[in-house]
């Protein structure tokens, strides 16, 4: 599953991440089967896949997309790898920020634990009183 509310699954690496330059829709994954039974995954514009080339529908609306390009999964992965290799990262900055995020998450979790303990500490005496009521033994 993708991030909550994102509308994209994480089933495939590029789900929701490749956008059409013509209409802005996300690219969707489709399998292309070869004659020998093997297949390759291809990405294409969702609008072009669902509605075809740009045209006027029965209601007079312009629908469809003229992007006729398909992107093979292996080519998309090669592009991603080359792009990532070309990025220069400041590793000290990255380590510092990831460490800060982790410490912040740990601190928040401990604070939530303290709040939960205080909440339960306040509820325990009330539940003890209910448990000791004489009529309580019948139920």
C-alpha atoms as a PDB file:
ATOM      1  CA  UNK A   1       0.000   0.000   0.000  1.00  0.00           C
ATOM      2  CA  UNK A   2       1.075   3.538  -0.594  1.00  0.00           C
ATOM      3  CA  UNK A   3       1.096   6.386   1.799  1.00  0.00           C
ATOM      4  CA  UNK A   4      -2.324   6.851   3.372  1.00  0.00           C
ATOM      5  CA  UNK A   5      -4.496   8.897   1.049  1.00  0.00           C
ATOM      6  CA  UNK A   6      -1.930   9.023  -1.745  1.00  0.00           C
ATOM      7  CA  UNK A   7      -4.025   6.889  -4.108  1.00  0.00           C
ATOM      8  CA  UNK A   8      -0.972   4.974  -5.288  1.00  0.00           C
ATOM      9  CA  UNK A   9       0.167   1.565  -4.190  1.00  0.00           C
ATOM     10  CA  UNK A  10       3.789   0.672  -3.633  1.00  0.00           C
ATOM     11  CA  UNK A  11       3.371  -2.507  -5.622  1.00  0.00           C
ATOM     12  CA  UNK A  12       5.696  -1.109  -8.274  1.00  0.00           C
ATOM     13  CA  UNK A  13       8.614   1.269  -7.763  1.00  0.00           C
ATOM     14  CA  UNK A  14       7.259   3.896 -10.135  1.00  0.00           C
ATOM     15  CA  UNK A  15       3.575   3.842  -9.111  1.00  0.00           C
ATOM     16  CA  UNK A  16       2.367   7.445  -9.004  1.00  0.00           C
ATOM     17  CA  UNK A  17       5.844   8.819  -9.697  1.00  0.00           C
ATOM     18  CA  UNK A  18       5.976   9.082 -13.499  1.00  0.00           C
ATOM     19  CA  UNK A  19       3.795  11.904 -14.826  1.00  0.00           C
ATOM     20  CA  UNK A  20       2.629  12.559 -18.364  1.00  0.00           C
ATOM     21  CA  UNK A  21       4.177  15.673 -19.894  1.00  0.00           C
ATOM     22  CA  UNK A  22       1.071  16.210 -22.046  1.00  0.00           C
ATOM     23  CA  UNK A  23      -1.847  15.930 -19.576  1.00  0.00           C
ATOM     24  CA  UNK A  24      -0.209  15.544 -16.137  1.00  0.00           C
ATOM     25  CA  UNK A  25      -1.783  12.149 -15.370  1.00  0.00           C
ATOM     26  CA  UNK A  26       0.251   9.435 -13.680  1.00  0.00           C
ATOM     27  CA  UNK A  27       1.684   6.668 -15.779  1.00  0.00           C
ATOM     28  CA  UNK A  28       0.229   3.205 -15.130  1.00  0.00           C
ATOM     29  CA  UNK A  29       1.864  -0.180 -15.379  1.00  0.00           C
ATOM     30  CA  UNK A  30       0.811  -2.799 -17.907  1.00  0.00           C
ATOM     31  CA  UNK A  31       2.276  -6.158 -18.827  1.00  0.00           C
ATOM     32  CA  UNK A  32       3.248  -6.780 -22.451  1.00  0.00           C
ATOM     33  CA  UNK A  33       3.370 -10.511 -23.228  1.00  0.00           C
ATOM     34  CA  UNK A  34       5.799 -11.753 -25.854  1.00  0.00           C
ATOM     35  CA  UNK A  35       5.162 -14.669 -28.199  1.00  0.00           C
ATOM     36  CA  UNK A  36       7.480 -16.904 -26.162  1.00  0.00           C
ATOM     37  CA  UNK A  37       5.346 -16.382 -23.029  1.00  0.00           C
ATOM     38  CA  UNK A  38       7.689 -13.954 -21.295  1.00  0.00           C
ATOM     39  CA  UNK A  39       6.543 -10.454 -20.490  1.00  0.00           C
ATOM     40  CA  UNK A  40       7.906  -7.025 -19.792  1.00  0.00           C
ATOM     41  CA  UNK A  41       6.278  -4.304 -17.769  1.00  0.00           C
ATOM     42  CA  UNK A  42       5.550  -1.043 -19.562  1.00  0.00           C
ATOM     43  CA  UNK A  43       4.409   2.320 -18.306  1.00  0.00           C
ATOM     44  CA  UNK A  44       1.988   4.553 -20.194  1.00  0.00           C
ATOM     45  CA  UNK A  45      -0.197   7.589 -19.535  1.00  0.00           C
ATOM     46  CA  UNK A  46      -3.347   6.665 -17.598  1.00  0.00           C
ATOM     47  CA  UNK A  47      -5.485   9.067 -19.640  1.00  0.00           C
ATOM     48  CA  UNK A  48      -4.177   7.722 -22.963  1.00  0.00           C
ATOM     49  CA  UNK A  49      -4.664   4.146 -21.724  1.00  0.00           C
ATOM     50  CA  UNK A  50      -8.234   4.720 -20.528  1.00  0.00           C
ATOM     51  CA  UNK A  51      -9.544   7.244 -23.075  1.00  0.00           C
ATOM     52  CA  UNK A  52      -7.289   6.906 -26.109  1.00  0.00           C
ATOM     53  CA  UNK A  53      -5.942   9.730 -28.215  1.00  0.00           C
ATOM     54  CA  UNK A  54      -7.290  13.243 -27.655  1.00  0.00           C
ATOM     55  CA  UNK A  55     -10.768  13.640 -29.132  1.00  0.00           C
ATOM     56  CA  UNK A  56     -14.163  15.214 -28.479  1.00  0.00           C
ATOM     57  CA  UNK A  57     -16.588  12.873 -26.661  1.00  0.00           C
ATOM     58  CA  UNK A  58     -20.392  12.671 -27.148  1.00  0.00           C
ATOM     59  CA  UNK A  59     -20.961  15.429 -24.555  1.00  0.00           C
ATOM     60  CA  UNK A  60     -18.592  17.798 -26.376  1.00  0.00           C
ATOM     61  CA  UNK A  61     -15.726  17.463 -23.867  1.00  0.00           C
ATOM     62  CA  UNK A  62     -12.131  17.135 -24.977  1.00  0.00           C
ATOM     63  CA  UNK A  63     -10.847  13.847 -23.560  1.00  0.00           C
ATOM     64  CA  UNK A  64      -7.851  11.596 -24.066  1.00  0.00           C
ATOM     65  CA  UNK A  65      -4.146  12.244 -24.392  1.00  0.00           C
ATOM     66  CA  UNK A  66      -1.856  12.335 -27.424  1.00  0.00           C
ATOM     67  CA  UNK A  67       1.153  10.915 -25.622  1.00  0.00           C
ATOM     68  CA  UNK A  68       1.804   7.753 -27.550  1.00  0.00           C
ATOM     69  CA  UNK A  69       4.975   6.779 -25.746  1.00  0.00           C
ATOM     70  CA  UNK A  70       5.463   3.663 -23.665  1.00  0.00           C
ATOM     71  CA  UNK A  71       8.284   3.378 -21.184  1.00  0.00           C
ATOM     72  CA  UNK A  72       9.673  -0.077 -20.453  1.00  0.00           C
ATOM     73  CA  UNK A  73      10.211  -0.821 -16.761  1.00  0.00           C
ATOM     74  CA  UNK A  74      13.892  -1.705 -17.258  1.00  0.00           C
ATOM     75  CA  UNK A  75      14.500   1.587 -19.084  1.00  0.00           C
ATOM     76  CA  UNK A  76      12.738   3.550 -16.316  1.00  0.00           C
ATOM     77  CA  UNK A  77      14.911   1.769 -13.718  1.00  0.00           C
ATOM     78  CA  UNK A  78      18.086   2.585 -15.686  1.00  0.00           C
ATOM     79  CA  UNK A  79      17.058   6.256 -15.849  1.00  0.00           C
ATOM     80  CA  UNK A  80      16.433   6.269 -12.090  1.00  0.00           C
ATOM     81  CA  UNK A  81      19.812   4.636 -11.337  1.00  0.00           C
ATOM     82  CA  UNK A  82      21.706   7.075 -13.582  1.00  0.00           C
ATOM     83  CA  UNK A  83      19.908  10.015 -12.005  1.00  0.00           C
ATOM     84  CA  UNK A  84      20.671   8.845  -8.471  1.00  0.00           C
ATOM     85  CA  UNK A  85      24.338   8.267  -9.343  1.00  0.00           C
ATOM     86  CA  UNK A  86      24.587  11.788 -10.757  1.00  0.00           C
ATOM     87  CA  UNK A  87      23.304  13.388  -7.541  1.00  0.00           C
ATOM     88  CA  UNK A  88      25.968  14.634  -5.192  1.00  0.00           C
ATOM     89  CA  UNK A  89      24.882  14.165  -1.601  1.00  0.00           C
ATOM     90  CA  UNK A  90      26.196  15.871   1.469  1.00  0.00           C
ATOM     91  CA  UNK A  91      26.503  12.746   3.615  1.00  0.00           C
ATOM     92  CA  UNK A  92      27.252  14.681   6.830  1.00  0.00           C
ATOM     93  CA  UNK A  93      24.055  16.731   6.352  1.00  0.00           C
ATOM     94  CA  UNK A  94      22.077  13.579   5.559  1.00  0.00           C
ATOM     95  CA  UNK A  95      23.375  11.680   8.616  1.00  0.00           C
ATOM     96  CA  UNK A  96      22.714  14.681  10.879  1.00  0.00           C
ATOM     97  CA  UNK A  97      19.138  15.102   9.653  1.00  0.00           C
ATOM     98  CA  UNK A  98      18.281  11.398   9.749  1.00  0.00           C
ATOM     99  CA  UNK A  99      19.705  11.201  13.278  1.00  0.00           C
ATOM    100  CA  UNK A 100      17.651  14.230  14.356  1.00  0.00           C
ATOM    101  CA  UNK A 101      14.502  12.660  12.891  1.00  0.00           C
ATOM    102  CA  UNK A 102      15.159   9.340  14.642  1.00  0.00           C
ATOM    103  CA  UNK A 103      15.866  11.004  18.001  1.00  0.00           C
ATOM    104  CA  UNK A 104      12.748  13.138  17.619  1.00  0.00           C
ATOM    105  CA  UNK A 105      10.638  10.049  16.922  1.00  0.00           C
ATOM    106  CA  UNK A 106      12.101   8.254  19.948  1.00  0.00           C
ATOM    107  CA  UNK A 107      11.449  11.293  22.173  1.00  0.00           C
ATOM    108  CA  UNK A 108       7.846  11.547  20.931  1.00  0.00           C
ATOM    109  CA  UNK A 109       7.289   7.855  21.600  1.00  0.00           C
ATOM    110  CA  UNK A 110       8.582   8.182  25.179  1.00  0.00           C
ATOM    111  CA  UNK A 111       6.338  11.220  25.746  1.00  0.00           C
ATOM    112  CA  UNK A 112       3.321   9.285  24.492  1.00  0.00           C
ATOM    113  CA  UNK A 113       4.250   6.464  26.886  1.00  0.00           C
ATOM    114  CA  UNK A 114       4.359   8.900  29.818  1.00  0.00           C
ATOM    115  CA  UNK A 115       0.974  10.317  28.859  1.00  0.00           C
ATOM    116  CA  UNK A 116      -0.493   6.793  28.601  1.00  0.00           C
ATOM    117  CA  UNK A 117       0.923   5.860  32.015  1.00  0.00           C
ATOM    118  CA  UNK A 118      -0.545   9.018  33.583  1.00  0.00           C
ATOM    119  CA  UNK A 119      -3.887   8.318  31.941  1.00  0.00           C
ATOM    120  CA  UNK A 120      -3.972   4.722  33.223  1.00  0.00           C
ATOM    121  CA  UNK A 121      -2.779   5.814  36.669  1.00  0.00           C
ATOM    122  CA  UNK A 122      -5.774   8.145  36.864  1.00  0.00           C
ATOM    123  CA  UNK A 123      -8.205   5.446  35.677  1.00  0.00           C
ATOM    124  CA  UNK A 124      -7.015   2.644  37.975  1.00  0.00           C
ATOM    125  CA  UNK A 125      -8.481   3.992  41.248  1.00  0.00           C
ATOM    126  CA  UNK A 126     -11.862   4.468  39.532  1.00  0.00           C
ATOM    127  CA  UNK A 127     -11.864   0.908  38.214  1.00  0.00           C
ATOM    128  CA  UNK A 128     -10.886  -0.423  41.663  1.00  0.00           C
ATOM    129  CA  UNK A 129     -13.915   1.333  43.211  1.00  0.00           C
ATOM    130  CA  UNK A 130     -16.227  -0.176  40.572  1.00  0.00           C
ATOM    131  CA  UNK A 131     -14.780  -3.635  41.114  1.00  0.00           C
ATOM    132  CA  UNK A 132     -15.362  -3.483  44.882  1.00  0.00           C
ATOM    133  CA  UNK A 133     -19.050  -2.466  44.700  1.00  0.00           C
ATOM    134  CA  UNK A 134     -21.285  -5.155  46.266  1.00  0.00           C
ATOM    135  CA  UNK A 135     -23.688  -5.459  43.305  1.00  0.00           C
ATOM    136  CA  UNK A 136     -20.767  -5.928  40.948  1.00  0.00           C
ATOM    137  CA  UNK A 137     -20.297  -9.551  41.976  1.00  0.00           C
ATOM    138  CA  UNK A 138     -23.613 -10.520  40.389  1.00  0.00           C
ATOM    139  CA  UNK A 139     -22.608  -9.462  36.877  1.00  0.00           C
END
